[in-house]
Amino acid sequence: MSTVGLIGLGAMGSGMAASLRRAGHAVQVFDVRREVAEAFTNAGGTAHDTLASLGAACDVVVSVVVNAAQTEAVLFGDGTTPGCAASMKPGSVFVMCSTVDPNWSVALEARLEAMGLRYVDAPISGGAAKAASGQMTMMTAGKPEAYALAEPFLNAMAAKVYKLGDSAGAGSKVKIINQLLAGVHIAAAAEAMALGLREGVDAAALYEVITNSAGNSWMFENRMAHVLAADYTPLSAVDIFVKDLGIVLDMARASKFPLPLSSTAHQMFMQASTAGFAKEDDSAVIKIFPGIELPKGKA
């Protein structure tokens, strides 16, 4: 029976690890916060002290870190601590769940194949709650041999596992397009709510009407609830969309494809980040609008 390891027990990774355990898999984990990894294993599983140890113990390694740089460190080390790639058994699979430049993902597949390892390009979407319930979406691409090992674990973590190609890149491209829409929708939702506040409309009433009208979007309904509650605890931070919309624009720029709405939304998140809201929830992009009084939540 194949063994699975998961690296990165953050908002998404902890839920994904729990889903794997709920499906009956003996999950092995690593997190730079040792206490977080130990807490996960209290209900079963194994925590590893090093990435190299986890890599040697697992047939499939799932990486749920923030970006390409962290993924490279997980695989190849950070100059002082070895990564997991050198200790992984030939033929084992690395599943990459971060939002990255598709060209970087293509290059990573080639680099791992040269080491005798298989790769699945597998960005994720759905948020922490869906990750915890096993209901998230995975946008995947990889060779059949990689899927053969990884698929039972992918199905345990996600309600929908889309196979988008037989080599890396396609999964990341679709995720980037999803992030284009997510970022633009959040920015548009913030602009609409800000205009309502400026015009003296009751924020709760506006929210109620829009969420029951044609102008609604999942992002308006989800993120403007944060604004009404005055809760900017970062489930997904402003700087995530500085990064992700930056990748969107880089991908389009390479083929000289115009993205006017994405460009504007990116500038809005950049402005929010520079104004001091970088680590707040991405709904804090509403704070860039002048002359409005934001809801203060319940006292």
C-alpha atoms as a PDB file:
ATOM      1  CA  MET A   1       0.000   0.000   0.000  1.00  0.00           C
ATOM      2  CA  SER A   2       1.383   3.430  -0.959  1.00  0.00           C
ATOM      3  CA  THR A   3       2.311   5.852   1.810  1.00  0.00           C
ATOM      4  CA  VAL A   4       1.546   9.577   1.766  1.00  0.00           C
ATOM      5  CA  GLY A   5       3.253  12.565   3.336  1.00  0.00           C
ATOM      6  CA  LEU A   6       2.067  16.161   3.488  1.00  0.00           C
ATOM      7  CA  ILE A   7       4.267  19.237   3.910  1.00  0.00           C
ATOM      8  CA  GLY A   8       2.743  22.471   5.226  1.00  0.00           C
ATOM      9  CA  LEU A   9      -0.014  22.341   7.850  1.00  0.00           C
ATOM     10  CA  GLY A  10      -1.398  25.815   7.239  1.00  0.00           C
ATOM     11  CA  ALA A  11      -5.020  26.805   6.621  1.00  0.00           C
ATOM     12  CA  MET A  12      -5.353  24.485   3.607  1.00  0.00           C
ATOM     13  CA  GLY A  13      -2.752  21.842   4.412  1.00  0.00           C
ATOM     14  CA  SER A  14      -4.111  20.977   7.842  1.00  0.00           C
ATOM     15  CA  GLY A  15      -7.549  20.317   6.373  1.00  0.00           C
ATOM     16  CA  MET A  16      -6.089  18.259   3.548  1.00  0.00           C
ATOM     17  CA  ALA A  17      -4.094  16.151   6.001  1.00  0.00           C
ATOM     18  CA  ALA A  18      -7.246  15.618   8.072  1.00  0.00           C
ATOM     19  CA  SER A  19      -9.129  14.521   4.937  1.00  0.00           C
ATOM     20  CA  LEU A  20      -6.403  11.995   4.132  1.00  0.00           C
ATOM     21  CA  ARG A  21      -6.556  10.629   7.665  1.00  0.00           C
ATOM     22  CA  ARG A  22     -10.373  10.463   7.555  1.00  0.00           C
ATOM     23  CA  ALA A  23     -10.089   8.371   4.369  1.00  0.00           C
ATOM     24  CA  GLY A  24      -8.049   5.806   6.297  1.00  0.00           C
ATOM     25  CA  HIS A  25      -4.537   6.770   5.218  1.00  0.00           C
ATOM     26  CA  ALA A  26      -1.656   6.797   7.693  1.00  0.00           C
ATOM     27  CA  VAL A  27      -0.553  10.371   7.081  1.00  0.00           C
ATOM     28  CA  GLN A  28       3.033  11.489   7.610  1.00  0.00           C
ATOM     29  CA  VAL A  29       3.539  15.235   8.021  1.00  0.00           C
ATOM     30  CA  PHE A  30       6.165  17.955   8.225  1.00  0.00           C
ATOM     31  CA  ASP A  31       5.765  21.590   9.192  1.00  0.00           C
ATOM     32  CA  VAL A  32       8.438  24.119  10.103  1.00  0.00           C
ATOM     33  CA  ARG A  33       6.390  24.667  13.281  1.00  0.00           C
ATOM     34  CA  ARG A  34       7.209  21.446  15.067  1.00  0.00           C
ATOM     35  CA  GLU A  35       4.404  21.905  17.597  1.00  0.00           C
ATOM     36  CA  VAL A  36       1.823  22.088  14.789  1.00  0.00           C
ATOM     37  CA  ALA A  37       3.021  18.804  13.296  1.00  0.00           C
ATOM     38  CA  GLU A  38       3.015  17.150  16.727  1.00  0.00           C
ATOM     39  CA  ALA A  39      -0.517  18.381  17.428  1.00  0.00           C
ATOM     40  CA  PHE A  40      -1.736  16.801  14.185  1.00  0.00           C
ATOM     41  CA  THR A  41      -0.267  13.428  15.128  1.00  0.00           C
ATOM     42  CA  ASN A  42      -2.102  13.345  18.465  1.00  0.00           C
ATOM     43  CA  ALA A  43      -5.057  11.906  16.557  1.00  0.00           C
ATOM     44  CA  GLY A  44      -2.888   9.549  14.512  1.00  0.00           C
ATOM     45  CA  GLY A  45      -0.087   9.806  11.944  1.00  0.00           C
ATOM     46  CA  THR A  46       3.609  10.516  12.096  1.00  0.00           C
ATOM     47  CA  ALA A  47       5.445  13.827  12.381  1.00  0.00           C
ATOM     48  CA  HIS A  48       8.907  14.073  10.839  1.00  0.00           C
ATOM     49  CA  ASP A  49      11.709  16.247  12.148  1.00  0.00           C
ATOM     50  CA  THR A  50      13.177  16.748   8.680  1.00  0.00           C
ATOM     51  CA  LEU A  51      12.027  16.962   5.079  1.00  0.00           C
ATOM     52  CA  ALA A  52      14.587  14.324   4.131  1.00  0.00           C
ATOM     53  CA  SER A  53      13.081  11.868   6.604  1.00  0.00           C
ATOM     54  CA  LEU A  54       9.571  12.420   5.271  1.00  0.00           C
ATOM     55  CA  GLY A  55      10.730  12.070   1.663  1.00  0.00           C
ATOM     56  CA  ALA A  56      12.398   8.732   2.365  1.00  0.00           C
ATOM     57  CA  ALA A  57       9.294   7.369   4.089  1.00  0.00           C
ATOM     58  CA  CYS A  58       6.651   8.230   1.470  1.00  0.00           C
ATOM     59  CA  ASP A  59       5.641   7.104  -2.017  1.00  0.00           C
ATOM     60  CA  VAL A  60       3.620  10.301  -2.556  1.00  0.00           C
ATOM     61  CA  VAL A  61       4.586  13.692  -1.086  1.00  0.00           C
ATOM     62  CA  VAL A  62       1.998  16.496  -1.168  1.00  0.00           C
ATOM     63  CA  SER A  63       3.368  20.033  -0.813  1.00  0.00           C
ATOM     64  CA  VAL A  64       1.020  22.775   0.415  1.00  0.00           C
ATOM     65  CA  VAL A  65       3.268  25.825   0.807  1.00  0.00           C
ATOM     66  CA  VAL A  66       2.819  29.435  -0.257  1.00  0.00           C
ATOM     67  CA  ASN A  67       4.766  29.855  -3.492  1.00  0.00           C
ATOM     68  CA  ALA A  68       7.403  28.589  -5.914  1.00  0.00           C
ATOM     69  CA  ALA A  69      10.328  29.678  -3.732  1.00  0.00           C
ATOM     70  CA  GLN A  70       9.016  27.731  -0.744  1.00  0.00           C
ATOM     71  CA  THR A  71       8.334  24.715  -2.988  1.00  0.00           C
ATOM     72  CA  GLU A  72      11.936  24.766  -4.205  1.00  0.00           C
ATOM     73  CA  ALA A  73      13.167  24.922  -0.610  1.00  0.00           C
ATOM     74  CA  VAL A  74      10.923  21.976   0.314  1.00  0.00           C
ATOM     75  CA  LEU A  75      12.336  19.927  -2.556  1.00  0.00           C
ATOM     76  CA  PHE A  76      15.963  20.959  -2.801  1.00  0.00           C
ATOM     77  CA  GLY A  77      16.755  22.572   0.546  1.00  0.00           C
ATOM     78  CA  ASP A  78      17.458  26.131   1.581  1.00  0.00           C
ATOM     79  CA  GLY A  79      21.251  26.016   1.621  1.00  0.00           C
ATOM     80  CA  THR A  80      21.475  24.787   5.196  1.00  0.00           C
ATOM     81  CA  THR A  81      18.738  22.154   5.513  1.00  0.00           C
ATOM     82  CA  PRO A  82      18.239  19.430   2.867  1.00  0.00           C
ATOM     83  CA  GLY A  83      14.908  19.122   1.082  1.00  0.00           C
ATOM     84  CA  CYS A  84      12.920  15.967   0.415  1.00  0.00           C
ATOM     85  CA  ALA A  85      13.783  15.303  -3.242  1.00  0.00           C
ATOM     86  CA  ALA A  86      17.197  13.717  -2.707  1.00  0.00           C
ATOM     87  CA  SER A  87      15.783  11.136  -0.289  1.00  0.00           C
ATOM     88  CA  MET A  88      12.619  10.250  -2.225  1.00  0.00           C
ATOM     89  CA  LYS A  89      12.579   6.762  -3.724  1.00  0.00           C
ATOM     90  CA  PRO A  90      12.838   6.502  -7.542  1.00  0.00           C
ATOM     91  CA  GLY A  91       9.358   6.454  -9.059  1.00  0.00           C
ATOM     92  CA  SER A  92       7.711   8.246  -6.142  1.00  0.00           C
ATOM     93  CA  VAL A  93       5.497  11.271  -6.763  1.00  0.00           C
ATOM     94  CA  PHE A  94       5.684  14.918  -5.735  1.00  0.00           C
ATOM     95  CA  VAL A  95       2.291  16.699  -5.772  1.00  0.00           C
ATOM     96  CA  MET A  96       2.644  20.500  -5.973  1.00  0.00           C
ATOM     97  CA  CYS A  97      -0.415  22.428  -4.703  1.00  0.00           C
ATOM     98  CA  SER A  98       0.854  26.029  -4.765  1.00  0.00           C
ATOM     99  CA  THR A  99      -0.199  28.798  -7.154  1.00  0.00           C
ATOM    100  CA  VAL A 100       2.826  29.315  -9.411  1.00  0.00           C
ATOM    101  CA  ASP A 101       3.927  30.463 -12.849  1.00  0.00           C
ATOM    102  CA  PRO A 102       2.960  27.623 -15.232  1.00  0.00           C
ATOM    103  CA  ASN A 103       6.361  27.776 -16.938  1.00  0.00           C
ATOM    104  CA  TRP A 104       8.045  27.221 -13.587  1.00  0.00           C
ATOM    105  CA  SER A 105       5.867  24.143 -13.050  1.00  0.00           C
ATOM    106  CA  VAL A 106       6.840  22.750 -16.466  1.00  0.00           C
ATOM    107  CA  ALA A 107      10.524  23.222 -15.626  1.00  0.00           C
ATOM    108  CA  LEU A 108      10.063  21.568 -12.229  1.00  0.00           C
ATOM    109  CA  GLU A 109       8.570  18.468 -13.816  1.00  0.00           C
ATOM    110  CA  ALA A 110      11.629  18.114 -16.051  1.00  0.00           C
ATOM    111  CA  ARG A 111      13.992  18.637 -13.107  1.00  0.00           C
ATOM    112  CA  LEU A 112      12.271  15.955 -11.029  1.00  0.00           C
ATOM    113  CA  GLU A 113      12.095  13.506 -13.941  1.00  0.00           C
ATOM    114  CA  ALA A 114      15.866  13.842 -14.291  1.00  0.00           C
ATOM    115  CA  MET A 115      16.088  12.622 -10.677  1.00  0.00           C
ATOM    116  CA  GLY A 116      13.808   9.647 -11.375  1.00  0.00           C
ATOM    117  CA  LEU A 117      10.792  11.229  -9.672  1.00  0.00           C
ATOM    118  CA  ARG A 118       7.237  11.775 -10.902  1.00  0.00           C
ATOM    119  CA  TYR A 119       5.254  14.980 -10.617  1.00  0.00           C
ATOM    120  CA  VAL A 120       1.668  16.200 -10.483  1.00  0.00           C
ATOM    121  CA  ASP A 121       0.946  19.889 -11.080  1.00  0.00           C
ATOM    122  CA  ALA A 122      -2.039  20.254  -8.708  1.00  0.00           C
ATOM    123  CA  PRO A 123      -3.070  23.749  -7.572  1.00  0.00           C
ATOM    124  CA  ILE A 124      -6.055  23.864  -5.215  1.00  0.00           C
ATOM    125  CA  SER A 125      -9.088  26.059  -4.632  1.00  0.00           C
ATOM    126  CA  GLY A 126     -11.982  26.239  -2.200  1.00  0.00           C
ATOM    127  CA  GLY A 127     -10.678  27.704   1.033  1.00  0.00           C
ATOM    128  CA  ALA A 128      -9.914  26.239   4.436  1.00  0.00           C
ATOM    129  CA  ALA A 129     -13.441  24.999   5.177  1.00  0.00           C
ATOM    130  CA  LYS A 130     -13.660  22.959   1.974  1.00  0.00           C
ATOM    131  CA  ALA A 131     -10.123  21.648   2.490  1.00  0.00           C
ATOM    132  CA  ALA A 132     -11.134  20.437   5.956  1.00  0.00           C
ATOM    133  CA  SER A 133     -14.271  18.696   4.643  1.00  0.00           C
ATOM    134  CA  GLY A 134     -12.551  17.141   1.613  1.00  0.00           C
ATOM    135  CA  GLN A 135     -14.722  19.231  -0.716  1.00  0.00           C
ATOM    136  CA  MET A 136     -12.109  21.435  -2.377  1.00  0.00           C
ATOM    137  CA  THR A 137     -11.155  21.477  -6.068  1.00  0.00           C
ATOM    138  CA  MET A 138      -7.826  20.323  -7.537  1.00  0.00           C
ATOM    139  CA  MET A 139      -6.719  21.439 -10.991  1.00  0.00           C
ATOM    140  CA  THR A 140      -4.210  18.795 -12.004  1.00  0.00           C
ATOM    141  CA  ALA A 141      -1.897  17.794 -14.818  1.00  0.00           C
ATOM    142  CA  GLY A 142       0.624  14.987 -14.895  1.00  0.00           C
ATOM    143  CA  LYS A 143       1.734  11.824 -16.585  1.00  0.00           C
ATOM    144  CA  PRO A 144      -0.385   8.648 -16.200  1.00  0.00           C
ATOM    145  CA  GLU A 145       2.329   6.973 -14.108  1.00  0.00           C
ATOM    146  CA  ALA A 146       2.179   9.826 -11.607  1.00  0.00           C
ATOM    147  CA  TYR A 147      -1.620   9.696 -11.413  1.00  0.00           C
ATOM    148  CA  ALA A 148      -1.515   5.924 -10.861  1.00  0.00           C
ATOM    149  CA  LEU A 149       0.210   6.438  -7.512  1.00  0.00           C
ATOM    150  CA  ALA A 150      -1.260   9.776  -6.474  1.00  0.00           C
ATOM    151  CA  GLU A 151      -4.914   9.473  -7.503  1.00  0.00           C
ATOM    152  CA  PRO A 152      -6.280   7.745  -4.365  1.00  0.00           C
ATOM    153  CA  PHE A 153      -4.814  10.525  -2.246  1.00  0.00           C
ATOM    154  CA  LEU A 154      -6.052  13.282  -4.571  1.00  0.00           C
ATOM    155  CA  ASN A 155      -9.568  11.845  -4.387  1.00  0.00           C
ATOM    156  CA  ALA A 156      -9.389  11.725  -0.597  1.00  0.00           C
ATOM    157  CA  MET A 157      -8.508  15.426  -0.399  1.00  0.00           C
ATOM    158  CA  ALA A 158     -10.854  16.890  -3.025  1.00  0.00           C
ATOM    159  CA  ALA A 159     -14.448  16.534  -4.220  1.00  0.00           C
ATOM    160  CA  LYS A 160     -13.402  17.440  -7.748  1.00  0.00           C
ATOM    161  CA  VAL A 161     -10.063  16.420  -9.241  1.00  0.00           C
ATOM    162  CA  TYR A 162      -9.819  17.809 -12.761  1.00  0.00           C
ATOM    163  CA  LYS A 163      -7.295  16.137 -15.077  1.00  0.00           C
ATOM    164  CA  LEU A 164      -6.292  18.887 -17.468  1.00  0.00           C
ATOM    165  CA  GLY A 165      -3.279  17.449 -19.274  1.00  0.00           C
ATOM    166  CA  ASP A 166      -0.680  14.686 -19.341  1.00  0.00           C
ATOM    167  CA  SER A 167       2.222  16.987 -18.491  1.00  0.00           C
ATOM    168  CA  ALA A 168       2.770  19.864 -16.094  1.00  0.00           C
ATOM    169  CA  GLY A 169       1.522  23.379 -16.768  1.00  0.00           C
ATOM    170  CA  ALA A 170      -2.154  22.981 -17.587  1.00  0.00           C
ATOM    171  CA  GLY A 171      -3.194  22.747 -13.945  1.00  0.00           C
ATOM    172  CA  SER A 172      -1.310  25.914 -13.072  1.00  0.00           C
ATOM    173  CA  LYS A 173      -2.720  27.782 -16.078  1.00  0.00           C
ATOM    174  CA  VAL A 174      -6.304  27.008 -15.051  1.00  0.00           C
ATOM    175  CA  LYS A 175      -5.561  27.974 -11.437  1.00  0.00           C
ATOM    176  CA  ILE A 176      -4.105  31.292 -12.596  1.00  0.00           C
ATOM    177  CA  ILE A 177      -7.273  32.005 -14.605  1.00  0.00           C
ATOM    178  CA  ASN A 178      -9.337  31.166 -11.522  1.00  0.00           C
ATOM    179  CA  GLN A 179      -7.219  33.634  -9.540  1.00  0.00           C
ATOM    180  CA  LEU A 180      -7.802  36.294 -12.199  1.00  0.00           C
ATOM    181  CA  LEU A 181     -11.535  35.994 -11.575  1.00  0.00           C
ATOM    182  CA  ALA A 182     -11.189  35.729  -7.797  1.00  0.00           C
ATOM    183  CA  GLY A 183      -9.032  38.842  -7.567  1.00  0.00           C
ATOM    184  CA  VAL A 184     -11.173  40.912  -9.920  1.00  0.00           C
ATOM    185  CA  HIS A 185     -14.363  39.818  -8.128  1.00  0.00           C
ATOM    186  CA  ILE A 186     -12.976  40.787  -4.703  1.00  0.00           C
ATOM    187  CA  ALA A 187     -11.829  44.162  -6.020  1.00  0.00           C
ATOM    188  CA  ALA A 188     -15.209  44.781  -7.690  1.00  0.00           C
ATOM    189  CA  ALA A 189     -17.084  43.701  -4.559  1.00  0.00           C
ATOM    190  CA  ALA A 190     -15.030  46.122  -2.459  1.00  0.00           C
ATOM    191  CA  GLU A 191     -15.645  48.943  -4.942  1.00  0.00           C
ATOM    192  CA  ALA A 192     -19.403  48.321  -4.910  1.00  0.00           C
ATOM    193  CA  MET A 193     -19.613  48.204  -1.121  1.00  0.00           C
ATOM    194  CA  ALA A 194     -17.419  51.323  -0.846  1.00  0.00           C
ATOM    195  CA  LEU A 195     -19.722  53.238  -3.205  1.00  0.00           C
ATOM    196  CA  GLY A 196     -22.730  52.158  -1.157  1.00  0.00           C
ATOM    197  CA  LEU A 197     -21.075  53.394   2.036  1.00  0.00           C
ATOM    198  CA  ARG A 198     -20.122  56.666   0.377  1.00  0.00           C
ATOM    199  CA  GLU A 199     -23.749  57.189  -0.700  1.00  0.00           C
ATOM    200  CA  GLY A 200     -25.055  56.493   2.790  1.00  0.00           C
ATOM    201  CA  VAL A 201     -26.671  53.139   2.038  1.00  0.00           C
ATOM    202  CA  ASP A 202     -26.997  50.820   5.037  1.00  0.00           C
ATOM    203  CA  ALA A 203     -24.210  48.262   4.581  1.00  0.00           C
ATOM    204  CA  ALA A 204     -26.156  45.287   5.942  1.00  0.00           C
ATOM    205  CA  ALA A 205     -29.159  46.114   3.770  1.00  0.00           C
ATOM    206  CA  LEU A 206     -26.963  46.484   0.690  1.00  0.00           C
ATOM    207  CA  TYR A 207     -25.371  43.123   1.420  1.00  0.00           C
ATOM    208  CA  GLU A 208     -28.783  41.467   1.821  1.00  0.00           C
ATOM    209  CA  VAL A 209     -30.089  42.884  -1.459  1.00  0.00           C
ATOM    210  CA  ILE A 210     -27.000  42.143  -3.557  1.00  0.00           C
ATOM    211  CA  THR A 211     -26.665  38.570  -2.274  1.00  0.00           C
ATOM    212  CA  ASN A 212     -30.225  37.969  -3.472  1.00  0.00           C
ATOM    213  CA  SER A 213     -29.836  39.756  -6.809  1.00  0.00           C
ATOM    214  CA  ALA A 214     -28.144  39.263 -10.155  1.00  0.00           C
ATOM    215  CA  GLY A 215     -25.105  41.324  -9.176  1.00  0.00           C
ATOM    216  CA  ASN A 216     -24.037  38.803  -6.547  1.00  0.00           C
ATOM    217  CA  SER A 217     -20.875  36.719  -6.755  1.00  0.00           C
ATOM    218  CA  TRP A 218     -19.408  34.101  -4.424  1.00  0.00           C
ATOM    219  CA  MET A 219     -16.637  36.559  -3.576  1.00  0.00           C
ATOM    220  CA  PHE A 220     -19.058  39.399  -2.786  1.00  0.00           C
ATOM    221  CA  GLU A 221     -21.093  37.126  -0.523  1.00  0.00           C
ATOM    222  CA  ASN A 222     -18.037  35.707   1.233  1.00  0.00           C
ATOM    223  CA  ARG A 223     -15.703  38.683   1.491  1.00  0.00           C
ATOM    224  CA  MET A 224     -18.166  41.486   2.145  1.00  0.00           C
ATOM    225  CA  ALA A 225     -19.392  39.464   5.136  1.00  0.00           C
ATOM    226  CA  HIS A 226     -15.875  40.026   6.530  1.00  0.00           C
ATOM    227  CA  VAL A 227     -16.272  43.762   5.961  1.00  0.00           C
ATOM    228  CA  LEU A 228     -19.664  43.845   7.719  1.00  0.00           C
ATOM    229  CA  ALA A 229     -18.143  42.007  10.686  1.00  0.00           C
ATOM    230  CA  ALA A 230     -15.071  44.284  10.638  1.00  0.00           C
ATOM    231  CA  ASP A 231     -13.046  41.060  10.771  1.00  0.00           C
ATOM    232  CA  TYR A 232      -9.930  41.244   8.637  1.00  0.00           C
ATOM    233  CA  THR A 233      -8.325  38.103  10.055  1.00  0.00           C
ATOM    234  CA  PRO A 234      -6.399  36.795   7.041  1.00  0.00           C
ATOM    235  CA  LEU A 235      -8.025  33.685   5.617  1.00  0.00           C
ATOM    236  CA  SER A 236      -6.395  34.815   2.353  1.00  0.00           C
ATOM    237  CA  ALA A 237      -4.240  37.907   2.697  1.00  0.00           C
ATOM    238  CA  VAL A 238      -4.004  41.015   0.522  1.00  0.00           C
ATOM    239  CA  ASP A 239      -0.464  40.028  -0.461  1.00  0.00           C
ATOM    240  CA  ILE A 240      -1.695  36.694  -1.849  1.00  0.00           C
ATOM    241  CA  PHE A 241      -3.450  38.637  -4.603  1.00  0.00           C
ATOM    242  CA  VAL A 242      -0.483  40.939  -5.092  1.00  0.00           C
ATOM    243  CA  LYS A 243       1.402  37.719  -5.892  1.00  0.00           C
ATOM    244  CA  ASP A 244      -1.288  35.820  -7.790  1.00  0.00           C
ATOM    245  CA  LEU A 245      -2.485  38.686  -9.989  1.00  0.00           C
ATOM    246  CA  GLY A 246       1.182  39.437 -10.638  1.00  0.00           C
ATOM    247  CA  ILE A 247       1.555  35.893 -12.001  1.00  0.00           C
ATOM    248  CA  VAL A 248      -1.614  36.372 -14.082  1.00  0.00           C
ATOM    249  CA  LEU A 249      -0.156  39.523 -15.646  1.00  0.00           C
ATOM    250  CA  ASP A 250       3.254  37.907 -16.225  1.00  0.00           C
ATOM    251  CA  MET A 251       1.635  34.985 -18.046  1.00  0.00           C
ATOM    252  CA  ALA A 252      -0.413  37.320 -20.267  1.00  0.00           C
ATOM    253  CA  ARG A 253       2.492  39.674 -20.879  1.00  0.00           C
ATOM    254  CA  ALA A 254       4.539  36.812 -22.352  1.00  0.00           C
ATOM    255  CA  SER A 255       2.025  36.529 -25.196  1.00  0.00           C
ATOM    256  CA  LYS A 256       1.172  40.250 -25.281  1.00  0.00           C
ATOM    257  CA  PHE A 257      -2.392  39.572 -24.184  1.00  0.00           C
ATOM    258  CA  PRO A 258      -4.257  42.557 -22.670  1.00  0.00           C
ATOM    259  CA  LEU A 259      -5.854  42.179 -19.218  1.00  0.00           C
ATOM    260  CA  PRO A 260      -7.254  45.608 -18.302  1.00  0.00           C
ATOM    261  CA  LEU A 261      -9.437  44.461 -15.384  1.00  0.00           C
ATOM    262  CA  SER A 262      -6.718  42.269 -13.895  1.00  0.00           C
ATOM    263  CA  SER A 263      -4.240  45.153 -14.129  1.00  0.00           C
ATOM    264  CA  THR A 264      -6.569  47.484 -12.252  1.00  0.00           C
ATOM    265  CA  ALA A 265      -7.348  44.905  -9.563  1.00  0.00           C
ATOM    266  CA  HIS A 266      -3.624  44.228  -9.120  1.00  0.00           C
ATOM    267  CA  GLN A 267      -2.990  47.936  -8.584  1.00  0.00           C
ATOM    268  CA  MET A 268      -5.761  48.026  -5.971  1.00  0.00           C
ATOM    269  CA  PHE A 269      -4.200  45.180  -3.993  1.00  0.00           C
ATOM    270  CA  MET A 270      -0.764  46.780  -4.385  1.00  0.00           C
ATOM    271  CA  GLN A 271      -2.173  50.019  -2.971  1.00  0.00           C
ATOM    272  CA  ALA A 272      -3.739  48.183  -0.036  1.00  0.00           C
ATOM    273  CA  SER A 273      -0.477  46.353   0.654  1.00  0.00           C
ATOM    274  CA  THR A 274       1.591  49.535   0.571  1.00  0.00           C
ATOM    275  CA  ALA A 275      -0.941  51.265   2.837  1.00  0.00           C
ATOM    276  CA  GLY A 276      -0.194  48.744   5.583  1.00  0.00           C
ATOM    277  CA  PHE A 277      -2.842  46.081   4.990  1.00  0.00           C
ATOM    278  CA  ALA A 278      -0.566  43.460   3.388  1.00  0.00           C
ATOM    279  CA  LYS A 279      -1.190  40.753   5.985  1.00  0.00           C
ATOM    280  CA  GLU A 280      -4.895  41.466   6.500  1.00  0.00           C
ATOM    281  CA  ASP A 281      -7.689  39.527   4.817  1.00  0.00           C
ATOM    282  CA  ASP A 282      -7.941  40.335   1.103  1.00  0.00           C
ATOM    283  CA  SER A 283     -11.303  42.032   1.759  1.00  0.00           C
ATOM    284  CA  ALA A 284      -9.194  44.815   3.327  1.00  0.00           C
ATOM    285  CA  VAL A 285      -8.700  46.101  -0.216  1.00  0.00           C
ATOM    286  CA  ILE A 286     -11.840  48.138   0.574  1.00  0.00           C
ATOM    287  CA  LYS A 287      -9.706  50.257   2.913  1.00  0.00           C
ATOM    288  CA  ILE A 288      -8.078  52.056  -0.034  1.00  0.00           C
ATOM    289  CA  PHE A 289     -11.267  54.002  -0.787  1.00  0.00           C
ATOM    290  CA  PRO A 290     -11.312  57.521   0.677  1.00  0.00           C
ATOM    291  CA  GLY A 291     -14.118  59.240   2.522  1.00  0.00           C
ATOM    292  CA  ILE A 292     -16.028  56.184   3.737  1.00  0.00           C
ATOM    293  CA  GLU A 293     -16.741  54.908   7.233  1.00  0.00           C
ATOM    294  CA  LEU A 294     -16.353  51.141   7.354  1.00  0.00           C
ATOM    295  CA  PRO A 295     -18.638  48.975   9.513  1.00  0.00           C
ATOM    296  CA  LYS A 296     -17.267  48.438  13.021  1.00  0.00           C
ATOM    297  CA  GLY A 297     -18.853  45.029  13.601  1.00  0.00           C
ATOM    298  CA  LYS A 298     -20.658  44.019  16.761  1.00  0.00           C
ATOM    299  CA  ALA A 299     -19.520  45.689  19.943  1.00  0.00           C
END
